[in-house]
Protein backbone atom coordinates (compact mmCIF):
# COMPACT_ATOMS: atom_id res chain seq x y z
CA UNK A 1 25.70 26.36 15.51
CA UNK A 2 26.26 30.17 13.57
CA UNK A 3 23.10 31.32 13.51
CA UNK A 4 22.19 31.99 9.58
CA UNK A 5 20.83 35.72 10.85
CA UNK A 6 24.65 36.07 11.56
CA UNK A 7 25.60 35.62 7.77
CA UNK A 8 22.67 37.98 6.84
CA UNK A 9 24.05 40.12 8.99
CA UNK A 10 27.67 40.61 8.23
CA UNK A 11 26.44 39.89 3.94
CA UNK A 12 24.40 43.46 4.86
CA UNK A 13 27.25 45.31 6.92
CA UNK A 14 29.46 45.15 3.65
CA UNK A 15 26.94 46.35 0.98
CA UNK A 16 26.23 49.16 3.58
CA UNK A 17 30.08 49.92 4.13
CA UNK A 18 32.05 48.91 0.91
CA UNK A 19 35.24 48.20 2.36
CA UNK A 20 37.94 48.39 0.15
CA UNK A 21 39.71 45.03 -0.57
CA UNK A 22 43.10 44.82 -1.31
CA UNK A 23 44.05 42.01 -3.60
CA UNK A 24 47.60 40.84 -5.06
CA UNK A 25 46.73 37.55 -6.98
CA UNK A 26 47.70 35.66 -9.68
CA UNK A 27 46.27 37.67 -13.58
CA UNK A 28 44.90 34.66 -15.05
CA UNK A 29 41.59 35.01 -12.38
CA UNK A 30 42.37 38.68 -11.73
CA UNK A 31 39.44 40.22 -13.23
CA UNK A 32 37.33 37.66 -11.70
CA UNK A 33 38.65 38.35 -8.31
CA UNK A 34 37.89 41.75 -8.47
CA UNK A 35 34.45 41.15 -9.69
CA UNK A 36 32.83 38.51 -7.49
CA UNK A 37 34.32 41.31 -4.51
CA UNK A 38 31.84 43.95 -5.88
CA UNK A 39 29.28 41.61 -6.31
CA UNK A 40 29.38 41.11 -2.55
CA UNK A 41 29.35 44.73 -1.93
CA UNK A 42 33.10 45.56 -1.71
CA UNK A 43 35.40 47.66 -3.38
CA UNK A 44 38.45 45.96 -4.83
CA UNK A 45 41.82 47.42 -5.61
CA UNK A 46 44.59 44.91 -7.51
CA UNK A 47 47.63 47.07 -7.16
CA UNK A 48 50.20 45.01 -7.26
CA UNK A 49 53.54 46.76 -7.39
CA UNK A 50 56.38 46.68 -4.63
CA UNK A 51 57.10 50.47 -4.24
CA UNK A 52 52.95 51.16 -3.86
CA UNK A 53 51.52 47.68 -1.42
CA UNK A 54 52.72 49.04 1.27
CA UNK A 55 51.14 52.58 1.22
CA UNK A 56 47.74 50.89 -0.97
CA UNK A 57 47.17 47.58 2.30
CA UNK A 58 47.56 50.13 4.53
CA UNK A 59 44.57 52.31 3.31
CA UNK A 60 42.57 48.60 3.01
CA UNK A 61 40.06 46.95 5.06
CA UNK A 62 41.24 43.63 4.10
CA UNK A 63 44.15 42.05 2.32
CA UNK A 64 43.95 39.04 -0.05
CA UNK A 65 47.48 36.72 -1.06
CA UNK A 66 47.14 34.08 -4.10
CA UNK A 67 50.54 32.20 -4.92
CA UNK A 68 48.88 31.10 -8.20
CA UNK A 69 51.57 32.26 -10.58
CA UNK A 70 53.97 33.62 -8.59
CA UNK A 71 56.59 35.50 -9.69
CA UNK A 72 59.62 37.54 -7.68
CA UNK A 73 58.00 40.76 -8.22
CA UNK A 74 54.79 39.00 -6.96
CA UNK A 75 56.84 37.87 -3.90
CA UNK A 76 58.41 40.51 -2.88
CA UNK A 77 55.14 42.81 -3.29
CA UNK A 78 53.13 40.28 -0.88
CA UNK A 79 55.57 39.96 2.22
CA UNK A 80 55.74 43.89 2.07
CA UNK A 81 51.83 44.08 2.12
CA UNK A 82 51.50 41.15 4.94
CA UNK A 83 54.15 43.60 6.99
CA UNK A 84 52.03 46.70 6.92
CA UNK A 85 48.92 44.58 7.20
CA UNK A 86 50.06 43.24 10.37
CA UNK A 87 51.67 46.10 12.00
CA UNK A 88 48.04 47.78 11.10
CA UNK A 89 45.47 45.00 12.20
CA UNK A 90 44.42 44.51 8.56
CA UNK A 91 43.31 40.86 8.22
CA UNK A 92 44.58 38.81 6.05
CA UNK A 93 43.38 36.00 3.73
CA UNK A 94 46.39 33.34 2.37
CA UNK A 95 45.45 31.31 -0.71
CA UNK A 96 48.33 28.35 -0.80
CA UNK A 97 47.50 27.70 -4.56
CA UNK A 98 50.23 24.93 -5.72
CA UNK A 99 52.09 24.88 -2.23
CA UNK A 100 51.82 21.27 -3.02
CA UNK A 101 53.31 20.88 -6.55
CA UNK A 102 56.31 23.71 -5.67
CA UNK A 103 58.63 24.05 -3.09
CA UNK A 104 59.27 28.07 -4.49
CA UNK A 105 55.34 27.82 -2.94
CA UNK A 106 55.66 25.78 -0.43
CA UNK A 107 58.89 27.24 1.53
CA UNK A 108 57.46 30.98 0.21
CA UNK A 109 54.17 30.50 2.05
CA UNK A 110 56.14 29.37 5.31
CA UNK A 111 57.81 32.10 5.82
CA UNK A 112 54.44 33.96 4.84
CA UNK A 113 52.85 32.15 7.98
CA UNK A 114 55.76 32.82 10.14
CA UNK A 115 55.55 36.85 9.82
CA UNK A 116 52.27 35.98 11.12
CA UNK A 117 49.05 37.99 10.51
CA UNK A 118 46.88 35.60 8.80
CA UNK A 119 43.34 35.50 9.55
CA UNK A 120 42.39 32.75 6.97
CA UNK A 121 44.98 29.94 5.24
CA UNK A 122 42.63 28.60 2.51
CA UNK A 123 43.33 25.99 -0.01
CA UNK A 124 42.51 22.67 -1.46
CA UNK A 125 42.10 19.21 0.53
CA UNK A 126 45.81 18.84 -0.72
CA UNK A 127 47.26 21.98 -0.44
CA UNK A 128 46.15 22.06 3.46
CA UNK A 129 47.81 19.13 3.94
CA UNK A 130 51.13 20.42 2.87
CA UNK A 131 50.27 22.77 4.91
CA UNK A 132 50.05 20.50 7.55
CA UNK A 133 53.20 18.95 6.72
CA UNK A 134 50.76 15.55 5.89
CA UNK A 135 51.57 13.71 2.79
CA UNK A 136 49.50 14.12 -0.23
CA UNK A 137 48.35 13.10 -3.67
CA UNK A 138 47.91 15.91 -5.04
CA UNK A 139 48.05 16.17 -8.89
CA UNK A 140 49.43 20.14 -10.65
CA UNK A 141 47.39 22.02 -8.83
CA UNK A 142 44.70 20.11 -8.34
CA UNK A 143 43.67 18.12 -4.90
CA UNK A 144 44.17 14.41 -5.51
CA UNK A 145 40.98 12.39 -5.45
CA UNK A 146 42.75 10.28 -2.63
CA UNK A 147 42.79 13.67 -0.24
CA UNK A 148 38.89 14.16 -0.49
CA UNK A 149 37.07 13.79 2.85
CA UNK A 150 35.41 10.78 3.46
CA UNK A 151 34.39 8.34 6.32
CA UNK A 152 37.50 6.72 6.65
CA UNK A 153 39.83 10.38 7.08
CA UNK A 154 37.51 12.88 8.40
CA UNK A 155 38.43 12.38 11.82
CA UNK A 156 42.40 12.46 11.42
CA UNK A 157 42.35 15.39 8.85
CA UNK A 158 39.44 17.21 11.28
CA UNK A 159 42.14 16.67 13.85
CA UNK A 160 44.97 17.83 11.69
CA UNK A 161 43.44 21.53 10.35
CA UNK A 162 42.86 22.20 14.03
CA UNK A 163 46.28 21.75 14.85
CA UNK A 164 47.03 23.96 12.09
CA UNK A 165 44.80 26.82 13.07
CA UNK A 166 45.76 26.63 16.64
CA UNK A 167 49.30 26.13 16.26
CA UNK A 168 48.69 29.31 12.97
CA UNK A 169 46.17 31.28 15.42
CA UNK A 170 44.04 31.71 12.02
CA UNK A 171 41.04 29.86 10.65
CA UNK A 172 41.77 26.93 8.15
CA UNK A 173 39.48 26.93 5.13
CA UNK A 174 40.10 23.36 2.75
CA UNK A 175 37.72 23.40 -0.21
CA UNK A 176 36.70 19.95 -1.80
CA UNK A 177 33.41 18.38 -2.63
CA UNK A 178 32.74 19.19 1.04
CA UNK A 179 34.41 21.97 2.56
CA UNK A 180 36.02 21.69 5.94
CA UNK A 181 36.72 25.19 8.09
CA UNK A 182 38.24 25.14 11.38
CA UNK A 183 39.63 27.54 13.93
CA UNK A 184 41.08 24.58 16.35
CA UNK A 185 38.07 24.62 18.66
CA UNK A 186 35.31 24.85 15.70
CA UNK A 187 35.33 22.46 12.83
CA UNK A 188 32.00 22.76 10.37
CA UNK A 189 31.30 20.73 7.24
CA UNK A 190 30.15 23.07 3.85
CA UNK A 191 28.19 20.60 1.67
CA UNK A 192 26.95 23.23 -0.76
CA UNK A 193 28.20 23.66 -4.39
CA UNK A 194 28.03 22.04 -7.52
CA UNK A 195 30.86 20.66 -10.08
CA UNK A 196 30.00 23.41 -12.58
CA UNK A 197 32.48 25.44 -10.72
CA UNK A 198 35.13 23.65 -11.89
CA UNK A 199 34.35 23.89 -14.95
CA UNK A 200 35.70 27.32 -15.18
CA UNK A 201 39.03 28.70 -14.35
CA UNK A 202 39.79 30.58 -10.89
CA UNK A 203 36.53 29.54 -8.68
CA UNK A 204 38.93 28.92 -6.46
CA UNK A 205 40.50 32.25 -6.70
CA UNK A 206 37.40 33.95 -6.71
CA UNK A 207 36.39 31.58 -3.43
CA UNK A 208 39.20 33.24 -1.48
CA UNK A 209 38.07 37.06 -3.51
CA UNK A 210 34.82 36.76 -1.60
CA UNK A 211 35.91 35.42 1.34
CA UNK A 212 38.21 38.23 1.78
CA UNK A 213 35.42 40.32 0.93
CA UNK A 214 33.97 39.55 4.09
CA UNK A 215 36.76 39.90 6.25
CA UNK A 216 36.26 43.54 7.72
CA UNK A 217 33.90 41.90 9.61
CA UNK A 218 36.55 41.37 11.95
CA UNK A 219 34.64 37.67 12.63
CA UNK A 220 36.98 35.10 10.09
CA UNK A 221 35.56 32.01 10.91
CA UNK A 222 32.45 33.93 9.55
CA UNK A 223 33.75 34.97 6.85
CA UNK A 224 34.74 31.77 5.69
CA UNK A 225 31.81 29.85 6.33
CA UNK A 226 29.80 32.88 4.79
CA UNK A 227 32.35 32.62 1.69
CA UNK A 228 31.81 28.77 1.51
CA UNK A 229 28.02 28.73 1.57
CA UNK A 230 27.43 31.29 -0.33
CA UNK A 231 29.85 30.10 -3.56
CA UNK A 232 28.40 26.94 -3.14
CA UNK A 233 24.40 27.95 -3.52
CA UNK A 234 25.38 30.61 -5.69
CA UNK A 235 26.72 27.82 -8.16
CA UNK A 236 23.65 25.87 -7.53
CA UNK A 237 21.21 28.24 -8.83
CA UNK A 238 23.87 28.86 -11.30
CA UNK A 239 23.84 26.08 -12.53
CA UNK A 240 19.97 25.19 -13.31
CA UNK A 241 20.08 27.93 -15.92
CA UNK A 242 23.60 28.10 -17.17
CA UNK A 243 23.62 26.80 -21.17
CA UNK A 244 27.40 25.89 -20.94
CA UNK A 245 30.37 27.08 -19.08
CA UNK A 246 29.94 30.58 -20.35
CA UNK A 247 26.86 32.22 -19.13
CA UNK A 248 27.11 29.87 -15.60
CA UNK A 249 30.18 31.92 -15.50
CA UNK A 250 27.41 35.24 -15.62
CA UNK A 251 24.99 33.50 -13.89
CA UNK A 252 27.41 33.03 -10.53
CA UNK A 253 28.21 37.07 -10.51
CA UNK A 254 24.80 37.25 -10.83
CA UNK A 255 23.59 34.81 -7.61
CA UNK A 256 26.11 36.31 -5.74
CA UNK A 257 25.28 40.03 -6.34
CA UNK A 258 21.41 38.96 -6.09
CA UNK A 259 20.89 35.56 -3.71
CA UNK A 260 18.42 36.84 -0.76
CA UNK A 261 18.85 35.79 2.84
CA UNK A 262 16.16 33.42 2.17
CA UNK A 263 17.72 31.36 -0.25
CA UNK A 264 20.67 31.27 1.58
CA UNK A 265 18.68 29.48 4.54
CA UNK A 266 16.87 27.42 2.48
CA UNK A 267 19.45 25.70 0.48
CA UNK A 268 22.82 26.31 3.04
CA UNK A 269 24.32 22.77 4.28
CA UNK A 270 26.28 23.10 6.92
CA UNK A 271 27.15 20.76 10.16
CA UNK A 272 28.90 20.29 13.29
CA UNK A 273 32.78 18.35 12.91
CA UNK A 274 34.74 17.13 15.03
CA UNK A 275 37.59 15.00 15.25
CA UNK A 276 35.37 12.22 16.68
CA UNK A 277 33.36 11.67 13.75
CA UNK A 278 33.40 8.42 11.82
CA UNK A 279 31.43 6.63 9.63
CA UNK A 280 30.07 7.68 6.19
CA UNK A 281 30.94 11.65 5.48
CA UNK A 282 27.30 12.09 4.68
CA UNK A 283 26.47 11.31 7.69
CA UNK A 284 28.49 14.69 9.46
CA UNK A 285 27.43 16.91 7.05
CA UNK A 286 23.75 17.33 5.45
CA UNK A 287 24.55 15.90 2.06
CA UNK A 288 21.89 16.43 -0.37
CA UNK A 289 23.09 17.23 -3.78
CA UNK A 290 25.08 14.98 -5.87
CA UNK A 291 27.12 17.34 -7.96
CA UNK A 292 29.94 18.74 -5.70
CA UNK A 293 33.36 18.80 -7.05
CA UNK A 294 36.25 20.45 -6.01
CA UNK A 295 37.18 23.73 -6.54
CA UNK A 296 40.51 24.21 -7.29
CA UNK A 297 42.27 27.48 -7.20
CA UNK A 298 43.40 27.43 -10.89
CA UNK A 299 46.07 29.46 -12.21
CA UNK A 300 48.85 27.78 -14.71
């Protein structure tokens, strides 16, 4: 199991170094993605014009590509930026928004993965199942309820996502009522979160941006774990004070910014899992909160 001190050390490092994070993301969540990167202590730049993205990516410490609300221009920019990042050894997070409902996005995501240089593949359970070549029950860009982790499918999904991570040489980050993070050798389940995260648009995209802010630490697995735990814990605390979706959004950013190492250590619920796990999923993941809902990467 990863030590809590490692998570705190990574958070402090990002706040001290203030790395530049280049995001090419959908316009519906672009404002919130920029703000959550700032709350984590990094610096966002949201450039997407094809004639400047290569130059900008080359100056960044990490790159996030989000397939939501896709356009021809953004597709060209993503490929240019990815090739630049690969040449320079800049870590990249690819958020597979909508690949389960659109052949265009699915084909393009495979093209990007074939280029290589991806550090983290992120998506909801249905999107990651699609990336692994498995059937899904998606509804638009939302994950199908049938695709959520449970005692009957945990072993199969854990194995399939581990194989995908191994084939692509990256970390797979699948979000849902429980988040699953794997690099093909280690698999962790994260149970932090609240259903209120699905009550505002773009929290899935924000999670991708937040995780990208930790990629300059050069440990993609640790970045994915910190992103999932921090977002989930901040959501829990924000939900305890918010009066509705408007105040929840503000409280969420405040918690990402101000959450202490002690609070994170006390509330984080992370459990190791492997392909041999069976039975009730609660036995594989320390789940003490009844209010965790899928954080889908909402776009359009």
